[in-house]
Protein backbone atom coordinates (compact mmCIF):
# COMPACT_ATOMS: atom_id res chain seq x y z
CA UNK A 1 88.24 -39.06 -146.80
CA UNK A 2 88.56 -42.14 -149.26
CA UNK A 3 87.71 -44.36 -146.23
CA UNK A 4 84.11 -42.73 -145.69
CA UNK A 5 83.25 -42.87 -149.35
CA UNK A 6 84.35 -46.37 -149.95
CA UNK A 7 82.92 -47.74 -146.66
CA UNK A 8 79.47 -46.17 -147.61
CA UNK A 9 79.44 -47.77 -150.95
CA UNK A 10 80.77 -51.24 -149.51
CA UNK A 11 78.08 -51.22 -146.83
CA UNK A 12 75.48 -50.52 -149.54
CA UNK A 13 76.68 -53.30 -151.72
CA UNK A 14 76.48 -55.54 -148.68
CA UNK A 15 72.75 -54.58 -148.37
CA UNK A 16 72.06 -55.61 -151.85
CA UNK A 17 72.48 -52.43 -153.69
CA UNK A 18 74.42 -51.92 -156.65
CA UNK A 19 74.84 -55.54 -157.57
CA UNK A 20 71.92 -57.94 -157.85
CA UNK A 21 73.40 -61.37 -156.56
CA UNK A 22 72.00 -64.53 -155.05
CA UNK A 23 71.37 -64.37 -151.17
CA UNK A 24 74.47 -63.71 -149.44
CA UNK A 25 76.68 -63.15 -152.25
CA UNK A 26 76.62 -59.50 -151.77
CA UNK A 27 77.74 -60.08 -148.26
CA UNK A 28 80.89 -61.95 -149.91
CA UNK A 29 81.71 -59.18 -152.34
CA UNK A 30 81.37 -56.29 -149.75
CA UNK A 31 83.63 -58.44 -147.33
CA UNK A 32 86.38 -58.75 -149.96
CA UNK A 33 86.09 -54.84 -150.78
CA UNK A 34 86.24 -54.17 -147.20
CA UNK A 35 89.26 -56.33 -146.80
CA UNK A 36 90.98 -54.61 -149.64
CA UNK A 37 89.96 -51.23 -148.13
CA UNK A 38 91.59 -52.12 -144.86
CA UNK A 39 94.60 -53.34 -146.61
CA UNK A 40 94.95 -49.90 -148.30
CA UNK A 41 94.57 -48.25 -144.92
CA UNK A 42 96.90 -50.47 -142.76
CA UNK A 43 99.31 -51.38 -145.58
CA UNK A 44 99.27 -55.06 -144.37
CA UNK A 45 97.91 -57.64 -147.02
CA UNK A 46 96.89 -59.74 -144.18
CA UNK A 47 94.10 -57.10 -143.52
CA UNK A 48 92.30 -58.61 -146.57
CA UNK A 49 91.87 -61.99 -144.82
CA UNK A 50 91.30 -61.11 -141.21
CA UNK A 51 89.25 -57.83 -141.50
CA UNK A 52 87.36 -59.00 -144.77
CA UNK A 53 86.64 -62.33 -142.81
CA UNK A 54 85.75 -60.36 -139.68
CA UNK A 55 83.37 -58.06 -141.76
CA UNK A 56 81.69 -61.00 -143.33
CA UNK A 57 81.04 -62.76 -139.91
CA UNK A 58 80.04 -59.56 -138.36
CA UNK A 59 77.50 -59.01 -141.23
CA UNK A 60 75.99 -62.50 -141.14
CA UNK A 61 73.70 -61.99 -138.25
CA UNK A 62 70.14 -60.51 -139.29
CA UNK A 63 68.90 -56.87 -138.45
CA UNK A 64 66.58 -56.19 -141.11
CA UNK A 65 63.49 -56.27 -138.89
CA UNK A 66 64.85 -53.34 -136.73
CA UNK A 67 65.99 -51.45 -139.79
CA UNK A 68 62.49 -51.73 -141.17
CA UNK A 69 61.08 -50.14 -138.18
CA UNK A 70 63.71 -47.46 -137.90
CA UNK A 71 63.02 -46.43 -141.46
CA UNK A 72 59.08 -46.07 -141.07
CA UNK A 73 58.19 -49.81 -142.00
CA UNK A 74 56.00 -52.15 -140.22
CA UNK A 75 57.07 -54.31 -137.02
CA UNK A 76 57.74 -57.99 -138.25
CA UNK A 77 58.91 -59.85 -135.20
CA UNK A 78 61.47 -62.67 -135.71
CA UNK A 79 62.67 -65.66 -133.62
CA UNK A 80 66.21 -65.09 -132.43
CA UNK A 81 68.52 -64.58 -129.51
CA UNK A 82 68.20 -60.79 -129.40
CA UNK A 83 64.65 -60.88 -130.58
CA UNK A 84 63.65 -62.98 -127.51
CA UNK A 85 65.41 -60.67 -125.30
CA UNK A 86 63.50 -57.69 -126.71
CA UNK A 87 60.09 -59.44 -127.00
CA UNK A 88 58.56 -57.18 -124.27
CA UNK A 89 59.32 -54.09 -126.13
CA UNK A 90 57.41 -54.95 -129.18
CA UNK A 91 54.55 -52.72 -128.00
CA UNK A 92 56.81 -49.78 -128.36
CA UNK A 93 58.40 -50.36 -132.02
CA UNK A 94 60.69 -47.50 -132.07
CA UNK A 95 62.41 -48.40 -128.66
CA UNK A 96 62.37 -52.08 -129.81
CA UNK A 97 63.86 -51.30 -133.12
CA UNK A 98 66.63 -48.70 -131.56
CA UNK A 99 67.68 -51.18 -128.99
CA UNK A 100 67.77 -54.17 -131.35
CA UNK A 101 69.99 -51.97 -133.64
CA UNK A 102 72.20 -50.64 -130.84
CA UNK A 103 72.80 -54.36 -129.53
CA UNK A 104 73.52 -55.24 -133.28
CA UNK A 105 75.96 -52.33 -133.78
CA UNK A 106 77.72 -53.48 -130.45
CA UNK A 107 77.96 -57.15 -132.04
CA UNK A 108 79.49 -55.58 -135.09
CA UNK A 109 81.71 -53.19 -133.21
CA UNK A 110 83.04 -56.02 -131.00
CA UNK A 111 83.97 -58.37 -133.67
CA UNK A 112 85.55 -55.48 -135.74
CA UNK A 113 87.41 -54.33 -132.65
CA UNK A 114 88.96 -57.74 -131.94
CA UNK A 115 89.93 -58.10 -135.79
CA UNK A 116 91.21 -54.63 -136.20
CA UNK A 117 93.37 -54.51 -132.93
CA UNK A 118 96.44 -56.10 -134.41
CA UNK A 119 96.49 -53.56 -137.27
CA UNK A 120 95.37 -50.31 -135.90
CA UNK A 121 94.45 -49.67 -132.26
CA UNK A 122 93.03 -46.29 -132.84
CA UNK A 123 90.69 -47.46 -135.62
CA UNK A 124 89.81 -50.42 -133.48
CA UNK A 125 88.72 -48.24 -130.55
CA UNK A 126 86.70 -45.87 -132.87
CA UNK A 127 84.88 -48.78 -134.60
CA UNK A 128 83.88 -50.20 -131.07
CA UNK A 129 82.39 -46.41 -130.15
CA UNK A 130 80.84 -45.57 -133.46
CA UNK A 131 79.04 -48.76 -134.32
CA UNK A 132 76.57 -48.92 -131.44
CA UNK A 133 75.18 -45.66 -133.08
CA UNK A 134 73.74 -47.38 -135.76
CA UNK A 135 70.30 -46.57 -134.83
CA UNK A 136 71.02 -42.94 -135.58
CA UNK A 137 71.87 -43.71 -139.34
CA UNK A 138 68.38 -45.21 -140.01
CA UNK A 139 66.20 -43.21 -137.74
CA UNK A 140 67.59 -40.04 -139.35
CA UNK A 141 66.36 -41.13 -142.73
CA UNK A 142 62.74 -40.43 -141.40
CA UNK A 143 63.37 -36.73 -141.86
CA UNK A 144 63.38 -37.52 -145.71
CA UNK A 145 60.15 -37.44 -147.82
CA UNK A 146 61.19 -40.92 -149.30
CA UNK A 147 59.75 -44.45 -149.03
CA UNK A 148 60.84 -46.79 -146.30
CA UNK A 149 62.77 -48.84 -149.12
CA UNK A 150 64.50 -45.55 -150.21
CA UNK A 151 65.17 -44.63 -146.48
CA UNK A 152 66.72 -48.13 -145.81
CA UNK A 153 69.24 -47.64 -148.73
CA UNK A 154 70.12 -44.24 -147.38
CA UNK A 155 70.54 -45.45 -144.05
CA UNK A 156 72.91 -48.08 -145.35
CA UNK A 157 75.15 -45.33 -146.97
CA UNK A 158 75.08 -43.40 -143.73
CA UNK A 159 75.98 -46.15 -141.38
CA UNK A 160 78.66 -47.26 -143.92
CA UNK A 161 79.93 -43.70 -143.74
CA UNK A 162 80.19 -43.79 -140.09
CA UNK A 163 82.28 -47.12 -140.17
CA UNK A 164 84.33 -45.25 -142.76
CA UNK A 165 84.84 -42.32 -140.42
CA UNK A 166 86.11 -44.74 -137.68
CA UNK A 167 88.74 -45.81 -140.24
CA UNK A 168 89.65 -42.48 -141.47
């Protein structure tokens, strides 16, 4: 159970919640905490370096434009590999955001799968299965009577909890 709570908080820290740091520093802090959590789970100190590093690598790709639409914000297209693949879906913002977040979740899950495999094969498979469901964490927040910024923060907690569930 501690895995779910800790991963939820860690993912919110990564998103810039809790700690106000210069750009990218919250990612570094979250990666360190994630590595420490994985050390606790696996009882292997190498998890700090390997899984903390993988978390940082997996989180370094952008996804904010899709989250913004998923939580009820406006479409702000960007340039990037995934964006170029989804360009034709921009007239359907929900589909565009959902597919973008699914691809992004697959990327995160794939990186974490490879990194987790030597430590815990079951958790590796669970991460790979759960991570593509990232859109659910953010679209579900539309049910709340909150601003898009508040829903974004709540979505980070939910997605973090989903990652923690895979680690539990």
